[in-house]
Amino acid sequence: MDVTRIGNTPLIAPAETPAAKGSENKSQSFGEVLKDSLKQVNSLQQEADASIQSLATGGEASLHDTMLAIQKAELSFKLMMQVRNKIVEAYQEVIRMQV
């Protein structure tokens, strides 16, 4: 692990992400990463739907929590769509390449 010194601050080690730890033991294919991302987006959508249902029926969900769940679901969906658009653009670019 690389450790760097910045100015007069103490030594700072880079944080290890779960993805970095997983890549040491098992590398995931692009398709698996994409499937996992889609599952996470779907999960956020379902959580938002459940929160809306709970709010509408007088359950324990608050308006604040419901709005947060909706915004998280919307933001993750928009990000997923942008990733999809980039994948489609890359695919079209590869198709246009001359061999």
N, C-alpha and C. Protein backbone atom coordinates (compact mmCIF):
# COMPACT_ATOMS: atom_id res chain seq x y z
N MET A 1 0.86 -1.18 0.00
CA MET A 1 0.00 0.00 0.00
C MET A 1 0.89 1.23 0.00
N ASP A 2 0.62 2.13 -0.93
CA ASP A 2 1.38 3.38 -0.99
C ASP A 2 0.89 4.34 0.07
N VAL A 3 1.83 4.99 0.74
CA VAL A 3 1.49 5.97 1.75
C VAL A 3 2.16 7.27 1.34
N THR A 4 1.41 8.35 1.34
CA THR A 4 1.95 9.63 0.90
C THR A 4 1.89 10.65 2.02
N ARG A 5 2.79 11.63 1.96
CA ARG A 5 2.80 12.72 2.92
C ARG A 5 2.41 13.98 2.15
N ILE A 6 1.44 14.71 2.67
CA ILE A 6 0.98 15.93 2.03
C ILE A 6 1.27 17.09 2.98
N GLY A 7 2.20 17.96 2.58
CA GLY A 7 2.54 19.11 3.41
C GLY A 7 3.00 18.67 4.78
N ASN A 8 2.45 19.28 5.81
CA ASN A 8 2.80 18.94 7.19
C ASN A 8 1.80 17.98 7.82
N THR A 9 0.90 17.45 7.01
CA THR A 9 -0.10 16.54 7.56
C THR A 9 0.53 15.19 7.81
N PRO A 10 -0.05 14.42 8.70
CA PRO A 10 0.49 13.08 8.96
C PRO A 10 0.31 12.19 7.73
N LEU A 11 0.92 11.04 7.78
CA LEU A 11 0.83 10.11 6.66
C LEU A 11 -0.61 9.72 6.41
N ILE A 12 -0.98 9.73 5.16
CA ILE A 12 -2.34 9.40 4.77
C ILE A 12 -2.28 8.21 3.83
N ALA A 13 -2.97 7.15 4.18
CA ALA A 13 -3.03 5.98 3.31
C ALA A 13 -4.32 6.04 2.51
N PRO A 14 -4.26 5.68 1.23
CA PRO A 14 -5.49 5.69 0.44
C PRO A 14 -6.50 4.69 0.98
N ALA A 15 -7.75 5.09 0.93
CA ALA A 15 -8.81 4.21 1.43
C ALA A 15 -8.99 3.05 0.48
N GLU A 16 -9.22 1.88 1.05
CA GLU A 16 -9.48 0.71 0.22
C GLU A 16 -10.97 0.59 0.03
N THR A 17 -11.39 0.56 -1.21
CA THR A 17 -12.80 0.42 -1.52
C THR A 17 -13.16 -1.05 -1.58
N PRO A 18 -14.42 -1.38 -1.39
CA PRO A 18 -14.82 -2.79 -1.51
C PRO A 18 -14.52 -3.34 -2.90
N ALA A 19 -14.62 -2.51 -3.93
CA ALA A 19 -14.33 -2.97 -5.28
C ALA A 19 -12.86 -3.33 -5.41
N ALA A 20 -11.98 -2.55 -4.77
CA ALA A 20 -10.55 -2.84 -4.83
C ALA A 20 -10.24 -4.14 -4.10
N LYS A 21 -10.89 -4.37 -2.98
CA LYS A 21 -10.67 -5.61 -2.25
C LYS A 21 -11.17 -6.80 -3.05
N GLY A 22 -12.31 -6.64 -3.71
CA GLY A 22 -12.87 -7.72 -4.51
C GLY A 22 -12.03 -8.03 -5.72
N SER A 23 -11.34 -7.02 -6.27
CA SER A 23 -10.55 -7.25 -7.47
C SER A 23 -9.30 -8.07 -7.16
N GLU A 24 -8.86 -8.06 -5.89
CA GLU A 24 -7.71 -8.85 -5.52
C GLU A 24 -8.07 -10.33 -5.53
N ASN A 25 -9.25 -10.66 -5.07
CA ASN A 25 -9.66 -12.06 -4.96
C ASN A 25 -10.36 -12.54 -6.23
N LYS A 26 -11.27 -11.77 -6.74
CA LYS A 26 -12.08 -12.20 -7.87
C LYS A 26 -12.40 -10.98 -8.72
N SER A 27 -12.10 -11.06 -9.99
CA SER A 27 -12.43 -9.94 -10.86
C SER A 27 -13.78 -10.21 -11.51
N GLN A 28 -14.61 -9.17 -11.55
CA GLN A 28 -15.93 -9.30 -12.15
C GLN A 28 -15.86 -8.86 -13.61
N SER A 29 -16.66 -9.49 -14.42
CA SER A 29 -16.73 -9.08 -15.81
C SER A 29 -17.57 -7.81 -15.92
N PHE A 30 -17.46 -7.14 -17.04
CA PHE A 30 -18.23 -5.92 -17.26
C PHE A 30 -19.72 -6.21 -17.16
N GLY A 31 -20.14 -7.33 -17.71
CA GLY A 31 -21.56 -7.70 -17.67
C GLY A 31 -22.06 -7.89 -16.25
N GLU A 32 -21.24 -8.50 -15.40
CA GLU A 32 -21.64 -8.71 -14.01
C GLU A 32 -21.76 -7.39 -13.26
N VAL A 33 -20.81 -6.49 -13.51
CA VAL A 33 -20.85 -5.18 -12.87
C VAL A 33 -22.11 -4.43 -13.32
N LEU A 34 -22.43 -4.52 -14.60
CA LEU A 34 -23.62 -3.86 -15.14
C LEU A 34 -24.89 -4.44 -14.53
N LYS A 35 -24.95 -5.76 -14.42
CA LYS A 35 -26.12 -6.41 -13.81
C LYS A 35 -26.29 -5.98 -12.35
N ASP A 36 -25.18 -5.95 -11.61
CA ASP A 36 -25.25 -5.52 -10.21
C ASP A 36 -25.74 -4.09 -10.10
N SER A 37 -25.28 -3.23 -11.00
CA SER A 37 -25.72 -1.83 -10.99
C SER A 37 -27.21 -1.73 -11.27
N LEU A 38 -27.68 -2.50 -12.24
CA LEU A 38 -29.11 -2.48 -12.56
C LEU A 38 -29.94 -2.99 -11.38
N LYS A 39 -29.44 -3.99 -10.68
CA LYS A 39 -30.15 -4.51 -9.51
C LYS A 39 -30.23 -3.44 -8.42
N GLN A 40 -29.15 -2.67 -8.24
CA GLN A 40 -29.15 -1.62 -7.23
C GLN A 40 -30.14 -0.52 -7.60
N VAL A 41 -30.19 -0.15 -8.87
CA VAL A 41 -31.14 0.88 -9.32
C VAL A 41 -32.56 0.37 -9.11
N ASN A 42 -32.81 -0.88 -9.46
CA ASN A 42 -34.13 -1.45 -9.27
C ASN A 42 -34.51 -1.48 -7.80
N SER A 43 -33.55 -1.81 -6.95
CA SER A 43 -33.81 -1.84 -5.51
C SER A 43 -34.19 -0.45 -4.99
N LEU A 44 -33.47 0.58 -5.46
CA LEU A 44 -33.81 1.94 -5.04
C LEU A 44 -35.21 2.34 -5.53
N GLN A 45 -35.56 1.92 -6.73
CA GLN A 45 -36.91 2.21 -7.26
C GLN A 45 -37.97 1.53 -6.39
N GLN A 46 -37.72 0.28 -6.02
CA GLN A 46 -38.68 -0.44 -5.19
C GLN A 46 -38.80 0.17 -3.80
N GLU A 47 -37.68 0.63 -3.24
CA GLU A 47 -37.72 1.29 -1.93
C GLU A 47 -38.54 2.58 -2.01
N ALA A 48 -38.36 3.33 -3.10
CA ALA A 48 -39.13 4.56 -3.27
C ALA A 48 -40.62 4.26 -3.39
N ASP A 49 -40.94 3.22 -4.16
CA ASP A 49 -42.35 2.83 -4.31
C ASP A 49 -42.96 2.41 -2.97
N ALA A 50 -42.20 1.64 -2.20
CA ALA A 50 -42.69 1.19 -0.89
C ALA A 50 -42.88 2.38 0.04
N SER A 51 -41.97 3.34 -0.02
CA SER A 51 -42.07 4.53 0.82
C SER A 51 -43.29 5.37 0.43
N ILE A 52 -43.53 5.49 -0.86
CA ILE A 52 -44.71 6.22 -1.33
C ILE A 52 -45.98 5.53 -0.85
N GLN A 53 -46.01 4.21 -0.99
CA GLN A 53 -47.18 3.44 -0.55
C GLN A 53 -47.41 3.61 0.95
N SER A 54 -46.34 3.57 1.72
CA SER A 54 -46.44 3.71 3.16
C SER A 54 -46.94 5.10 3.54
N LEU A 55 -46.44 6.11 2.85
CA LEU A 55 -46.89 7.49 3.12
C LEU A 55 -48.36 7.66 2.76
N ALA A 56 -48.76 7.10 1.62
CA ALA A 56 -50.14 7.26 1.16
C ALA A 56 -51.15 6.54 2.06
N THR A 57 -50.73 5.44 2.65
CA THR A 57 -51.65 4.67 3.49
C THR A 57 -51.56 5.04 4.97
N GLY A 58 -50.74 6.05 5.29
CA GLY A 58 -50.64 6.47 6.68
C GLY A 58 -49.68 5.62 7.48
N GLY A 59 -48.76 4.98 6.81
CA GLY A 59 -47.77 4.13 7.49
C GLY A 59 -46.76 4.98 8.24
N GLU A 60 -45.63 4.38 8.55
CA GLU A 60 -44.63 5.06 9.37
C GLU A 60 -43.67 5.91 8.56
N ALA A 61 -43.78 5.94 7.24
CA ALA A 61 -42.88 6.75 6.41
C ALA A 61 -43.26 8.23 6.54
N SER A 62 -42.21 9.06 6.65
CA SER A 62 -42.45 10.51 6.71
C SER A 62 -42.31 11.09 5.30
N LEU A 63 -42.80 12.29 5.13
CA LEU A 63 -42.70 12.95 3.84
C LEU A 63 -41.24 13.18 3.46
N HIS A 64 -40.44 13.55 4.44
CA HIS A 64 -39.01 13.80 4.22
C HIS A 64 -38.31 12.53 3.72
N ASP A 65 -38.53 11.42 4.41
CA ASP A 65 -37.90 10.15 4.02
C ASP A 65 -38.38 9.70 2.64
N THR A 66 -39.64 9.91 2.37
CA THR A 66 -40.20 9.53 1.07
C THR A 66 -39.57 10.35 -0.04
N MET A 67 -39.44 11.64 0.15
CA MET A 67 -38.84 12.49 -0.86
C MET A 67 -37.37 12.12 -1.08
N LEU A 68 -36.66 11.79 -0.02
CA LEU A 68 -35.27 11.36 -0.16
C LEU A 68 -35.17 10.07 -0.98
N ALA A 69 -36.05 9.12 -0.69
CA ALA A 69 -36.05 7.86 -1.43
C ALA A 69 -36.35 8.08 -2.90
N ILE A 70 -37.30 8.96 -3.18
CA ILE A 70 -37.66 9.27 -4.57
C ILE A 70 -36.49 9.92 -5.29
N GLN A 71 -35.83 10.87 -4.64
CA GLN A 71 -34.70 11.56 -5.26
C GLN A 71 -33.53 10.62 -5.50
N LYS A 72 -33.25 9.73 -4.56
CA LYS A 72 -32.17 8.76 -4.75
C LYS A 72 -32.48 7.85 -5.92
N ALA A 73 -33.73 7.40 -6.02
CA ALA A 73 -34.12 6.52 -7.12
C ALA A 73 -34.03 7.26 -8.45
N GLU A 74 -34.48 8.51 -8.47
CA GLU A 74 -34.43 9.29 -9.71
C GLU A 74 -33.00 9.55 -10.15
N LEU A 75 -32.14 9.92 -9.22
CA LEU A 75 -30.75 10.20 -9.54
C LEU A 75 -30.03 8.95 -10.03
N SER A 76 -30.26 7.83 -9.38
CA SER A 76 -29.61 6.59 -9.81
C SER A 76 -30.12 6.17 -11.19
N PHE A 77 -31.40 6.39 -11.47
CA PHE A 77 -31.94 6.05 -12.78
C PHE A 77 -31.33 6.93 -13.87
N LYS A 78 -31.20 8.22 -13.58
CA LYS A 78 -30.59 9.13 -14.56
C LYS A 78 -29.14 8.75 -14.84
N LEU A 79 -28.41 8.38 -13.78
CA LEU A 79 -27.03 7.95 -13.96
C LEU A 79 -26.97 6.68 -14.80
N MET A 80 -27.86 5.74 -14.51
CA MET A 80 -27.90 4.51 -15.29
C MET A 80 -28.17 4.80 -16.76
N MET A 81 -29.06 5.73 -17.04
CA MET A 81 -29.37 6.08 -18.43
C MET A 81 -28.17 6.71 -19.12
N GLN A 82 -27.42 7.52 -18.41
CA GLN A 82 -26.22 8.13 -19.00
C GLN A 82 -25.16 7.06 -19.29
N VAL A 83 -25.02 6.11 -18.39
CA VAL A 83 -24.07 5.01 -18.63
C VAL A 83 -24.53 4.21 -19.85
N ARG A 84 -25.82 3.93 -19.93
CA ARG A 84 -26.36 3.21 -21.09
C ARG A 84 -26.08 3.95 -22.38
N ASN A 85 -26.28 5.27 -22.37
CA ASN A 85 -26.03 6.07 -23.56
C ASN A 85 -24.56 6.00 -23.98
N LYS A 86 -23.66 6.04 -23.01
CA LYS A 86 -22.23 5.95 -23.31
C LYS A 86 -21.87 4.57 -23.87
N ILE A 87 -22.49 3.53 -23.33
CA ILE A 87 -22.24 2.18 -23.84
C ILE A 87 -22.72 2.05 -25.27
N VAL A 88 -23.90 2.59 -25.56
CA VAL A 88 -24.43 2.54 -26.92
C VAL A 88 -23.54 3.33 -27.87
N GLU A 89 -23.08 4.50 -27.45
CA GLU A 89 -22.17 5.29 -28.28
C GLU A 89 -20.87 4.53 -28.56
N ALA A 90 -20.32 3.89 -27.54
CA ALA A 90 -19.09 3.12 -27.72
C ALA A 90 -19.32 1.95 -28.66
N TYR A 91 -20.44 1.28 -28.53
CA TYR A 91 -20.77 0.17 -29.41
C TYR A 91 -20.89 0.64 -30.85
N GLN A 92 -21.57 1.76 -31.06
CA GLN A 92 -21.73 2.30 -32.41
C GLN A 92 -20.38 2.70 -33.01
N GLU A 93 -19.51 3.22 -32.17
CA GLU A 93 -18.17 3.60 -32.62
C GLU A 93 -17.37 2.37 -33.05
N VAL A 94 -17.49 1.30 -32.30
CA VAL A 94 -16.78 0.06 -32.65
C VAL A 94 -17.34 -0.50 -33.96
N ILE A 95 -18.63 -0.43 -34.13
CA ILE A 95 -19.26 -0.92 -35.36
C ILE A 95 -18.77 -0.12 -36.56
N ARG A 96 -18.56 1.18 -36.40
CA ARG A 96 -18.11 2.02 -37.51
C ARG A 96 -16.64 1.83 -37.85
N MET A 97 -15.88 1.22 -36.96
CA MET A 97 -14.45 1.01 -37.22
C MET A 97 -14.24 0.11 -38.42
N GLN A 98 -13.25 0.46 -39.20
CA GLN A 98 -12.91 -0.38 -40.34
C GLN A 98 -11.79 -1.33 -39.93
N VAL A 99 -11.94 -2.55 -40.32
CA VAL A 99 -10.95 -3.56 -39.95
C VAL A 99 -9.93 -3.74 -41.04
